[in-house]
């Protein structure tokens, strides 16, 4: 194969911060997680095609009209998996997940029914680079100091190796800890999301950060689809095993950050449930979606 000798050398675009020995920014791992639903099957389209989809065995006419009350029943039954389960596979969802640790990212991508687009693991010296720390370590002064010091040393070594121009970023990055944050795009259908959320809000078998990730994904969906009143996901899970003993050497006297966030999420779910009930009732009465959306 011929060799192109006229290629212009590529300038290293890494943002080296080692000259200033910038102190890394450390964030609480739960508060750093931010999930947003960036694309989804529009609700009006679901209302349009779902009734005929679930009634295919009755009629092949895709334009057959049903009474508003039946449409509302079909919607609720479909999301509760009481009709053709494949209908939930037609509903597509794409999330942006920001701020999760490498450890949580590894757990996330184990769920093979979801599709992922991941942040490049090169160049973690950008201004957006953050390190995350669990609350239990934050509440343990001696451990927290060692945690920060070791993370800082790894960060500086990474920068020094790249700056030497003798070690590639792909080699140098092996020194980076699992505690730096990442962003992912996650795509799935509704049926697989439901299975993912049900599995990952389990407080006895999943980490708190994975719980928070699953809660936020579910709330993002409930914000777009009026389904919270169907109680498809049980937020009243058993607490973490021996959680009272795992909040650090100097645990807070008040609620932990996880407990406070969970209380907030439950409040959000109650609000979404109330608005969802009103929305479905309007469909049932024929007050909305009486014509086909364009």
C-alpha atoms as a PDB file:
ATOM      1  CA  UNK A   1       0.000   0.000   0.000  1.00  0.00           C
ATOM      2  CA  UNK A   2       1.360   3.412  -0.914  1.00  0.00           C
ATOM      3  CA  UNK A   3       2.151   5.903   1.833  1.00  0.00           C
ATOM      4  CA  UNK A   4       0.913   9.482   1.764  1.00  0.00           C
ATOM      5  CA  UNK A   5       3.914  11.618   2.683  1.00  0.00           C
ATOM      6  CA  UNK A   6       2.039  14.900   2.253  1.00  0.00           C
ATOM      7  CA  UNK A   7      -0.167  14.625   5.317  1.00  0.00           C
ATOM      8  CA  UNK A   8      -0.178  17.716   7.523  1.00  0.00           C
ATOM      9  CA  UNK A   9       0.856  16.873  11.105  1.00  0.00           C
ATOM     10  CA  UNK A  10      -2.033  17.017  13.515  1.00  0.00           C
ATOM     11  CA  UNK A  11      -1.610  19.427  16.390  1.00  0.00           C
ATOM     12  CA  UNK A  12      -2.232  17.917  19.809  1.00  0.00           C
ATOM     13  CA  UNK A  13      -5.521  19.429  20.930  1.00  0.00           C
ATOM     14  CA  UNK A  14      -5.309  18.187  24.535  1.00  0.00           C
ATOM     15  CA  UNK A  15      -5.962  20.949  27.018  1.00  0.00           C
ATOM     16  CA  UNK A  16      -2.985  20.462  29.314  1.00  0.00           C
ATOM     17  CA  UNK A  17      -3.552  21.897  32.751  1.00  0.00           C
ATOM     18  CA  UNK A  18      -0.477  20.501  34.495  1.00  0.00           C
ATOM     19  CA  UNK A  19       1.451  23.803  34.295  1.00  0.00           C
ATOM     20  CA  UNK A  20      -0.969  25.302  36.769  1.00  0.00           C
ATOM     21  CA  UNK A  21      -1.415  22.044  38.716  1.00  0.00           C
ATOM     22  CA  UNK A  22      -5.081  22.901  38.856  1.00  0.00           C
ATOM     23  CA  UNK A  23      -6.891  21.298  41.739  1.00  0.00           C
ATOM     24  CA  UNK A  24      -9.549  18.935  40.512  1.00  0.00           C
ATOM     25  CA  UNK A  25     -13.193  19.681  41.172  1.00  0.00           C
ATOM     26  CA  UNK A  26     -14.887  17.074  43.348  1.00  0.00           C
ATOM     27  CA  UNK A  27     -18.664  16.699  43.313  1.00  0.00           C
ATOM     28  CA  UNK A  28     -21.063  14.498  45.228  1.00  0.00           C
ATOM     29  CA  UNK A  29     -21.727  11.519  42.967  1.00  0.00           C
ATOM     30  CA  UNK A  30     -25.519  11.671  43.349  1.00  0.00           C
ATOM     31  CA  UNK A  31     -25.903  15.412  42.863  1.00  0.00           C
ATOM     32  CA  UNK A  32     -23.639  15.277  39.800  1.00  0.00           C
ATOM     33  CA  UNK A  33     -25.978  12.944  37.867  1.00  0.00           C
ATOM     34  CA  UNK A  34     -28.195  14.734  35.362  1.00  0.00           C
ATOM     35  CA  UNK A  35     -30.536  12.806  33.047  1.00  0.00           C
ATOM     36  CA  UNK A  36     -32.573  14.390  30.261  1.00  0.00           C
ATOM     37  CA  UNK A  37     -34.871  12.857  27.659  1.00  0.00           C
ATOM     38  CA  UNK A  38     -33.616  14.385  24.421  1.00  0.00           C
ATOM     39  CA  UNK A  39     -35.803  12.478  21.950  1.00  0.00           C
ATOM     40  CA  UNK A  40     -38.909  10.324  22.176  1.00  0.00           C
ATOM     41  CA  UNK A  41     -41.942   9.135  20.242  1.00  0.00           C
ATOM     42  CA  UNK A  42     -44.393  12.053  20.553  1.00  0.00           C
ATOM     43  CA  UNK A  43     -47.394  11.371  22.759  1.00  0.00           C
ATOM     44  CA  UNK A  44     -49.955  12.543  20.144  1.00  0.00           C
ATOM     45  CA  UNK A  45     -48.536   9.952  17.724  1.00  0.00           C
ATOM     46  CA  UNK A  46     -48.895   7.214  20.332  1.00  0.00           C
ATOM     47  CA  UNK A  47     -52.500   8.218  20.907  1.00  0.00           C
ATOM     48  CA  UNK A  48     -53.037   8.091  17.151  1.00  0.00           C
ATOM     49  CA  UNK A  49     -51.633   4.668  16.308  1.00  0.00           C
ATOM     50  CA  UNK A  50     -51.912   2.683  19.545  1.00  0.00           C
ATOM     51  CA  UNK A  51     -55.664   1.893  19.504  1.00  0.00           C
ATOM     52  CA  UNK A  52     -55.515   0.388  16.026  1.00  0.00           C
ATOM     53  CA  UNK A  53     -52.260  -1.423  16.824  1.00  0.00           C
ATOM     54  CA  UNK A  54     -53.682  -3.225  19.848  1.00  0.00           C
ATOM     55  CA  UNK A  55     -56.922  -4.021  18.015  1.00  0.00           C
ATOM     56  CA  UNK A  56     -55.307  -5.459  14.895  1.00  0.00           C
ATOM     57  CA  UNK A  57     -56.721  -8.898  15.663  1.00  0.00           C
ATOM     58  CA  UNK A  58     -60.204  -7.352  15.487  1.00  0.00           C
ATOM     59  CA  UNK A  59     -59.811  -5.308  12.315  1.00  0.00           C
ATOM     60  CA  UNK A  60     -57.144  -4.759   9.653  1.00  0.00           C
ATOM     61  CA  UNK A  61     -58.464  -1.246   9.019  1.00  0.00           C
ATOM     62  CA  UNK A  62     -55.744   1.109  10.286  1.00  0.00           C
ATOM     63  CA  UNK A  63     -58.131   4.066  10.087  1.00  0.00           C
ATOM     64  CA  UNK A  64     -60.865   2.546  12.188  1.00  0.00           C
ATOM     65  CA  UNK A  65     -62.117   5.020  14.809  1.00  0.00           C
ATOM     66  CA  UNK A  66     -62.851   4.008  18.385  1.00  0.00           C
ATOM     67  CA  UNK A  67     -64.829   5.812  21.090  1.00  0.00           C
ATOM     68  CA  UNK A  68     -62.694   8.158  23.226  1.00  0.00           C
ATOM     69  CA  UNK A  69     -63.351   6.049  26.319  1.00  0.00           C
ATOM     70  CA  UNK A  70     -62.003   2.961  24.557  1.00  0.00           C
ATOM     71  CA  UNK A  71     -58.954   4.880  23.393  1.00  0.00           C
ATOM     72  CA  UNK A  72     -58.208   5.887  26.974  1.00  0.00           C
ATOM     73  CA  UNK A  73     -58.658   2.291  28.140  1.00  0.00           C
ATOM     74  CA  UNK A  74     -56.415   1.031  25.355  1.00  0.00           C
ATOM     75  CA  UNK A  75     -53.673   3.483  26.324  1.00  0.00           C
ATOM     76  CA  UNK A  76     -53.712   2.482  29.980  1.00  0.00           C
ATOM     77  CA  UNK A  77     -53.921  -1.238  29.239  1.00  0.00           C
ATOM     78  CA  UNK A  78     -51.055  -1.005  26.763  1.00  0.00           C
ATOM     79  CA  UNK A  79     -48.678   0.647  29.220  1.00  0.00           C
ATOM     80  CA  UNK A  80     -49.695  -1.893  31.883  1.00  0.00           C
ATOM     81  CA  UNK A  81     -48.844  -4.711  29.437  1.00  0.00           C
ATOM     82  CA  UNK A  82     -52.426  -5.955  29.374  1.00  0.00           C
ATOM     83  CA  UNK A  83     -52.633  -5.848  25.577  1.00  0.00           C
ATOM     84  CA  UNK A  84     -50.119  -6.768  22.896  1.00  0.00           C
ATOM     85  CA  UNK A  85     -46.746  -6.287  24.657  1.00  0.00           C
ATOM     86  CA  UNK A  86     -45.019  -5.439  21.376  1.00  0.00           C
ATOM     87  CA  UNK A  87     -46.750  -2.037  21.345  1.00  0.00           C
ATOM     88  CA  UNK A  88     -44.319  -0.838  24.014  1.00  0.00           C
ATOM     89  CA  UNK A  89     -41.420  -1.796  21.751  1.00  0.00           C
ATOM     90  CA  UNK A  90     -42.561   0.777  19.180  1.00  0.00           C
ATOM     91  CA  UNK A  91     -42.059   3.667  21.616  1.00  0.00           C
ATOM     92  CA  UNK A  92     -38.505   4.967  21.273  1.00  0.00           C
ATOM     93  CA  UNK A  93     -36.633   6.956  23.909  1.00  0.00           C
ATOM     94  CA  UNK A  94     -33.192   8.575  23.863  1.00  0.00           C
ATOM     95  CA  UNK A  95     -31.580   9.999  26.995  1.00  0.00           C
ATOM     96  CA  UNK A  96     -28.516  12.102  27.717  1.00  0.00           C
ATOM     97  CA  UNK A  97     -26.889  10.884  30.930  1.00  0.00           C
ATOM     98  CA  UNK A  98     -24.311  13.278  32.376  1.00  0.00           C
ATOM     99  CA  UNK A  99     -22.102  13.102  35.430  1.00  0.00           C
ATOM    100  CA  UNK A 100     -21.938   9.371  36.114  1.00  0.00           C
ATOM    101  CA  UNK A 101     -18.681   7.773  37.261  1.00  0.00           C
ATOM    102  CA  UNK A 102     -16.769   5.234  35.201  1.00  0.00           C
ATOM    103  CA  UNK A 103     -17.887   2.601  37.690  1.00  0.00           C
ATOM    104  CA  UNK A 104     -21.554   3.435  37.102  1.00  0.00           C
ATOM    105  CA  UNK A 105     -20.998   3.634  33.355  1.00  0.00           C
ATOM    106  CA  UNK A 106     -19.673   0.069  33.405  1.00  0.00           C
ATOM    107  CA  UNK A 107     -22.788  -1.063  35.234  1.00  0.00           C
ATOM    108  CA  UNK A 108     -25.001   0.836  32.808  1.00  0.00           C
ATOM    109  CA  UNK A 109     -23.586  -0.715  29.641  1.00  0.00           C
ATOM    110  CA  UNK A 110     -24.049  -4.227  31.012  1.00  0.00           C
ATOM    111  CA  UNK A 111     -27.755  -3.846  30.206  1.00  0.00           C
ATOM    112  CA  UNK A 112     -27.536  -5.242  26.685  1.00  0.00           C
ATOM    113  CA  UNK A 113     -31.072  -4.276  25.636  1.00  0.00           C
ATOM    114  CA  UNK A 114     -30.104  -0.581  25.670  1.00  0.00           C
ATOM    115  CA  UNK A 115     -27.993   1.143  23.015  1.00  0.00           C
ATOM    116  CA  UNK A 116     -25.169   3.511  23.933  1.00  0.00           C
ATOM    117  CA  UNK A 117     -23.010   6.281  22.570  1.00  0.00           C
ATOM    118  CA  UNK A 118     -20.165   6.945  24.989  1.00  0.00           C
ATOM    119  CA  UNK A 119     -17.841   9.816  25.745  1.00  0.00           C
ATOM    120  CA  UNK A 120     -14.301   9.306  24.438  1.00  0.00           C
ATOM    121  CA  UNK A 121     -11.964   8.186  27.209  1.00  0.00           C
ATOM    122  CA  UNK A 122      -9.096  10.336  25.898  1.00  0.00           C
ATOM    123  CA  UNK A 123      -8.301  13.812  27.191  1.00  0.00           C
ATOM    124  CA  UNK A 124      -9.775  14.172  30.648  1.00  0.00           C
ATOM    125  CA  UNK A 125      -7.978  17.445  31.261  1.00  0.00           C
ATOM    126  CA  UNK A 126     -10.709  19.632  29.849  1.00  0.00           C
ATOM    127  CA  UNK A 127     -12.343  22.338  31.991  1.00  0.00           C
ATOM    128  CA  UNK A 128     -15.416  20.102  32.306  1.00  0.00           C
ATOM    129  CA  UNK A 129     -13.458  17.335  34.008  1.00  0.00           C
ATOM    130  CA  UNK A 130     -14.896  16.482  37.410  1.00  0.00           C
ATOM    131  CA  UNK A 131     -14.328  13.858  40.030  1.00  0.00           C
ATOM    132  CA  UNK A 132     -17.222  12.382  41.985  1.00  0.00           C
ATOM    133  CA  UNK A 133     -17.298  11.075  45.524  1.00  0.00           C
ATOM    134  CA  UNK A 134     -19.935   9.086  47.436  1.00  0.00           C
ATOM    135  CA  UNK A 135     -21.536  10.757  50.441  1.00  0.00           C
ATOM    136  CA  UNK A 136     -20.203   8.137  52.865  1.00  0.00           C
ATOM    137  CA  UNK A 137     -16.625   9.116  51.954  1.00  0.00           C
ATOM    138  CA  UNK A 138     -17.512  12.817  52.158  1.00  0.00           C
ATOM    139  CA  UNK A 139     -18.683  12.122  55.705  1.00  0.00           C
ATOM    140  CA  UNK A 140     -15.352  10.477  56.614  1.00  0.00           C
ATOM    141  CA  UNK A 141     -12.741  13.268  56.972  1.00  0.00           C
ATOM    142  CA  UNK A 142      -9.618  11.090  57.077  1.00  0.00           C
ATOM    143  CA  UNK A 143     -10.690   8.884  54.199  1.00  0.00           C
ATOM    144  CA  UNK A 144     -11.938  11.870  52.217  1.00  0.00           C
ATOM    145  CA  UNK A 145      -8.570  13.629  52.452  1.00  0.00           C
ATOM    146  CA  UNK A 146      -6.741  10.543  51.202  1.00  0.00           C
ATOM    147  CA  UNK A 147      -9.359  10.131  48.480  1.00  0.00           C
ATOM    148  CA  UNK A 148      -8.779  13.684  47.226  1.00  0.00           C
ATOM    149  CA  UNK A 149      -4.988  13.491  47.513  1.00  0.00           C
ATOM    150  CA  UNK A 150      -4.685  10.240  45.569  1.00  0.00           C
ATOM    151  CA  UNK A 151      -7.108  11.428  42.895  1.00  0.00           C
ATOM    152  CA  UNK A 152      -5.126  14.653  42.512  1.00  0.00           C
ATOM    153  CA  UNK A 153      -1.853  12.746  42.170  1.00  0.00           C
ATOM    154  CA  UNK A 154      -3.309  10.495  39.473  1.00  0.00           C
ATOM    155  CA  UNK A 155      -4.647  13.531  37.631  1.00  0.00           C
ATOM    156  CA  UNK A 156      -1.269  15.276  37.729  1.00  0.00           C
ATOM    157  CA  UNK A 157       0.603  12.156  36.633  1.00  0.00           C
ATOM    158  CA  UNK A 158      -1.777  11.793  33.693  1.00  0.00           C
ATOM    159  CA  UNK A 159      -1.095  15.407  32.669  1.00  0.00           C
ATOM    160  CA  UNK A 160       2.676  15.050  33.099  1.00  0.00           C
ATOM    161  CA  UNK A 161       2.842  11.905  30.975  1.00  0.00           C
ATOM    162  CA  UNK A 162       0.915  13.536  28.122  1.00  0.00           C
ATOM    163  CA  UNK A 163       2.954  16.719  28.356  1.00  0.00           C
ATOM    164  CA  UNK A 164       6.152  14.714  27.980  1.00  0.00           C
ATOM    165  CA  UNK A 165       5.119  13.952  24.378  1.00  0.00           C
ATOM    166  CA  UNK A 166       6.577  10.496  24.910  1.00  0.00           C
ATOM    167  CA  UNK A 167       3.412   8.767  26.121  1.00  0.00           C
ATOM    168  CA  UNK A 168       0.133   8.671  24.227  1.00  0.00           C
ATOM    169  CA  UNK A 169      -3.169   9.631  25.773  1.00  0.00           C
ATOM    170  CA  UNK A 170      -4.385   6.075  25.232  1.00  0.00           C
ATOM    171  CA  UNK A 171      -1.556   4.783  27.431  1.00  0.00           C
ATOM    172  CA  UNK A 172      -1.611   7.600  29.962  1.00  0.00           C
ATOM    173  CA  UNK A 173      -5.333   7.312  30.602  1.00  0.00           C
ATOM    174  CA  UNK A 174      -4.851   3.986  32.397  1.00  0.00           C
ATOM    175  CA  UNK A 175      -3.801   5.925  35.501  1.00  0.00           C
ATOM    176  CA  UNK A 176      -7.156   7.717  35.672  1.00  0.00           C
ATOM    177  CA  UNK A 177      -9.446   6.651  38.479  1.00  0.00           C
ATOM    178  CA  UNK A 178     -12.933   5.221  38.121  1.00  0.00           C
ATOM    179  CA  UNK A 179     -14.259   8.296  39.918  1.00  0.00           C
ATOM    180  CA  UNK A 180     -14.104  10.789  37.047  1.00  0.00           C
ATOM    181  CA  UNK A 181     -17.432  11.636  35.466  1.00  0.00           C
ATOM    182  CA  UNK A 182     -18.688  10.714  31.992  1.00  0.00           C
ATOM    183  CA  UNK A 183     -21.601  11.399  29.701  1.00  0.00           C
ATOM    184  CA  UNK A 184     -23.521   8.888  27.631  1.00  0.00           C
ATOM    185  CA  UNK A 185     -26.395   8.811  25.188  1.00  0.00           C
ATOM    186  CA  UNK A 186     -28.752   5.938  25.898  1.00  0.00           C
ATOM    187  CA  UNK A 187     -31.453   4.762  23.510  1.00  0.00           C
ATOM    188  CA  UNK A 188     -34.086   2.084  24.044  1.00  0.00           C
ATOM    189  CA  UNK A 189     -37.731   1.240  23.637  1.00  0.00           C
ATOM    190  CA  UNK A 190     -40.239   1.722  26.437  1.00  0.00           C
ATOM    191  CA  UNK A 191     -40.544  -1.975  27.257  1.00  0.00           C
ATOM    192  CA  UNK A 192     -36.801  -2.331  27.828  1.00  0.00           C
ATOM    193  CA  UNK A 193     -36.644   0.920  29.788  1.00  0.00           C
ATOM    194  CA  UNK A 194     -39.333  -0.362  32.141  1.00  0.00           C
ATOM    195  CA  UNK A 195     -37.312  -3.516  32.783  1.00  0.00           C
ATOM    196  CA  UNK A 196     -34.140  -1.474  33.322  1.00  0.00           C
ATOM    197  CA  UNK A 197     -35.779   0.903  35.791  1.00  0.00           C
ATOM    198  CA  UNK A 198     -37.489  -1.865  37.763  1.00  0.00           C
ATOM    199  CA  UNK A 199     -34.162  -3.646  38.141  1.00  0.00           C
ATOM    200  CA  UNK A 200     -32.052  -0.617  38.970  1.00  0.00           C
ATOM    201  CA  UNK A 201     -34.236   1.066  41.593  1.00  0.00           C
ATOM    202  CA  UNK A 202     -33.668  -2.010  43.755  1.00  0.00           C
ATOM    203  CA  UNK A 203     -32.005  -0.431  46.783  1.00  0.00           C
ATOM    204  CA  UNK A 204     -30.756  -3.721  48.204  1.00  0.00           C
ATOM    205  CA  UNK A 205     -28.847  -4.869  45.119  1.00  0.00           C
ATOM    206  CA  UNK A 206     -27.916  -1.628  43.353  1.00  0.00           C
ATOM    207  CA  UNK A 207     -25.757   1.318  44.354  1.00  0.00           C
ATOM    208  CA  UNK A 208     -27.354   4.600  45.362  1.00  0.00           C
ATOM    209  CA  UNK A 209     -25.954   6.316  42.281  1.00  0.00           C
ATOM    210  CA  UNK A 210     -27.523   3.703  40.000  1.00  0.00           C
ATOM    211  CA  UNK A 211     -30.806   4.150  41.909  1.00  0.00           C
ATOM    212  CA  UNK A 212     -30.673   7.897  41.244  1.00  0.00           C
ATOM    213  CA  UNK A 213     -29.919   7.314  37.563  1.00  0.00           C
ATOM    214  CA  UNK A 214     -32.937   5.007  37.211  1.00  0.00           C
ATOM    215  CA  UNK A 215     -35.230   7.377  39.134  1.00  0.00           C
ATOM    216  CA  UNK A 216     -34.249  10.301  36.915  1.00  0.00           C
ATOM    217  CA  UNK A 217     -34.778   8.305  33.716  1.00  0.00           C
ATOM    218  CA  UNK A 218     -38.250   7.294  34.851  1.00  0.00           C
ATOM    219  CA  UNK A 219     -39.239  10.810  35.908  1.00  0.00           C
ATOM    220  CA  UNK A 220     -38.020  12.173  32.564  1.00  0.00           C
ATOM    221  CA  UNK A 221     -40.415   9.775  30.828  1.00  0.00           C
ATOM    222  CA  UNK A 222     -43.317  10.582  33.168  1.00  0.00           C
ATOM    223  CA  UNK A 223     -42.806  14.248  32.383  1.00  0.00           C
ATOM    224  CA  UNK A 224     -43.555  13.524  28.705  1.00  0.00           C
ATOM    225  CA  UNK A 225     -46.084  10.685  28.947  1.00  0.00           C
ATOM    226  CA  UNK A 226     -49.161  10.750  31.260  1.00  0.00           C
ATOM    227  CA  UNK A 227     -48.500   7.358  32.826  1.00  0.00           C
ATOM    228  CA  UNK A 228     -47.340   8.089  36.388  1.00  0.00           C
ATOM    229  CA  UNK A 229     -50.806   7.275  37.784  1.00  0.00           C
ATOM    230  CA  UNK A 230     -50.482   3.695  36.535  1.00  0.00           C
ATOM    231  CA  UNK A 231     -47.847   2.936  39.209  1.00  0.00           C
ATOM    232  CA  UNK A 232     -45.727   0.931  36.784  1.00  0.00           C
ATOM    233  CA  UNK A 233     -42.665   1.466  38.984  1.00  0.00           C
ATOM    234  CA  UNK A 234     -42.654   1.038  42.763  1.00  0.00           C
ATOM    235  CA  UNK A 235     -40.524   3.724  44.386  1.00  0.00           C
ATOM    236  CA  UNK A 236     -41.184   2.215  47.823  1.00  0.00           C
ATOM    237  CA  UNK A 237     -38.283  -0.203  47.677  1.00  0.00           C
ATOM    238  CA  UNK A 238     -36.643  -1.700  50.790  1.00  0.00           C
ATOM    239  CA  UNK A 239     -33.792   0.445  52.098  1.00  0.00           C
ATOM    240  CA  UNK A 240     -30.142  -0.356  51.488  1.00  0.00           C
ATOM    241  CA  UNK A 241     -28.792  -3.213  53.600  1.00  0.00           C
ATOM    242  CA  UNK A 242     -27.410  -1.841  56.883  1.00  0.00           C
ATOM    243  CA  UNK A 243     -27.627   1.651  55.412  1.00  0.00           C
ATOM    244  CA  UNK A 244     -27.551   3.202  58.876  1.00  0.00           C
ATOM    245  CA  UNK A 245     -23.989   1.908  59.274  1.00  0.00           C
ATOM    246  CA  UNK A 246     -22.728   2.868  55.821  1.00  0.00           C
ATOM    247  CA  UNK A 247     -23.003   6.656  55.836  1.00  0.00           C
ATOM    248  CA  UNK A 248     -19.401   7.374  56.816  1.00  0.00           C
ATOM    249  CA  UNK A 249     -17.452   7.756  60.025  1.00  0.00           C
ATOM    250  CA  UNK A 250     -19.189  11.078  60.788  1.00  0.00           C
ATOM    251  CA  UNK A 251     -22.707  10.574  59.366  1.00  0.00           C
ATOM    252  CA  UNK A 252     -25.158  13.519  59.301  1.00  0.00           C
ATOM    253  CA  UNK A 253     -27.875  13.836  61.916  1.00  0.00           C
ATOM    254  CA  UNK A 254     -30.431  14.818  59.292  1.00  0.00           C
ATOM    255  CA  UNK A 255     -31.453  13.051  56.107  1.00  0.00           C
ATOM    256  CA  UNK A 256     -28.702  11.873  53.799  1.00  0.00           C
ATOM    257  CA  UNK A 257     -28.470  13.398  50.333  1.00  0.00           C
ATOM    258  CA  UNK A 258     -29.885  10.190  48.870  1.00  0.00           C
ATOM    259  CA  UNK A 259     -32.880  10.285  51.215  1.00  0.00           C
ATOM    260  CA  UNK A 260     -33.510  13.951  50.419  1.00  0.00           C
ATOM    261  CA  UNK A 261     -33.334  13.350  46.675  1.00  0.00           C
ATOM    262  CA  UNK A 262     -35.639  10.338  46.907  1.00  0.00           C
ATOM    263  CA  UNK A 263     -38.186  12.395  48.862  1.00  0.00           C
ATOM    264  CA  UNK A 264     -38.048  15.056  46.131  1.00  0.00           C
ATOM    265  CA  UNK A 265     -38.492  12.455  43.385  1.00  0.00           C
ATOM    266  CA  UNK A 266     -41.503  10.934  45.121  1.00  0.00           C
ATOM    267  CA  UNK A 267     -43.050  14.398  45.275  1.00  0.00           C
ATOM    268  CA  UNK A 268     -42.423  14.834  41.555  1.00  0.00           C
ATOM    269  CA  UNK A 269     -44.055  11.476  40.894  1.00  0.00           C
ATOM    270  CA  UNK A 270     -47.167  12.476  42.856  1.00  0.00           C
ATOM    271  CA  UNK A 271     -47.434  15.656  40.778  1.00  0.00           C
ATOM    272  CA  UNK A 272     -47.001  13.758  37.493  1.00  0.00           C
ATOM    273  CA  UNK A 273     -49.575  11.213  38.656  1.00  0.00           C
ATOM    274  CA  UNK A 274     -52.176  13.911  39.301  1.00  0.00           C
ATOM    275  CA  UNK A 275     -51.641  15.609  35.950  1.00  0.00           C
ATOM    276  CA  UNK A 276     -51.634  12.225  34.165  1.00  0.00           C
ATOM    277  CA  UNK A 277     -54.983  11.280  35.695  1.00  0.00           C
ATOM    278  CA  UNK A 278     -56.490  14.558  34.487  1.00  0.00           C
ATOM    279  CA  UNK A 279     -54.974  14.117  31.012  1.00  0.00           C
ATOM    280  CA  UNK A 280     -56.284  10.570  30.512  1.00  0.00           C
ATOM    281  CA  UNK A 281     -59.710  11.652  31.773  1.00  0.00           C
ATOM    282  CA  UNK A 282     -59.780  14.394  29.125  1.00  0.00           C
ATOM    283  CA  UNK A 283     -59.009  11.776  26.467  1.00  0.00           C
ATOM    284  CA  UNK A 284     -61.752   9.553  27.884  1.00  0.00           C
ATOM    285  CA  UNK A 285     -64.289  12.376  27.593  1.00  0.00           C
ATOM    286  CA  UNK A 286     -63.195  13.259  24.070  1.00  0.00           C
ATOM    287  CA  UNK A 287     -61.991  16.715  25.112  1.00  0.00           C
ATOM    288  CA  UNK A 288     -58.561  16.254  23.481  1.00  0.00           C
ATOM    289  CA  UNK A 289     -57.161  14.198  20.604  1.00  0.00           C
ATOM    290  CA  UNK A 290     -60.517  13.990  18.879  1.00  0.00           C
ATOM    291  CA  UNK A 291     -58.772  14.522  15.507  1.00  0.00           C
ATOM    292  CA  UNK A 292     -55.753  12.748  14.088  1.00  0.00           C
ATOM    293  CA  UNK A 293     -52.449  14.612  14.640  1.00  0.00           C
ATOM    294  CA  UNK A 294     -50.600  15.572  11.485  1.00  0.00           C
END
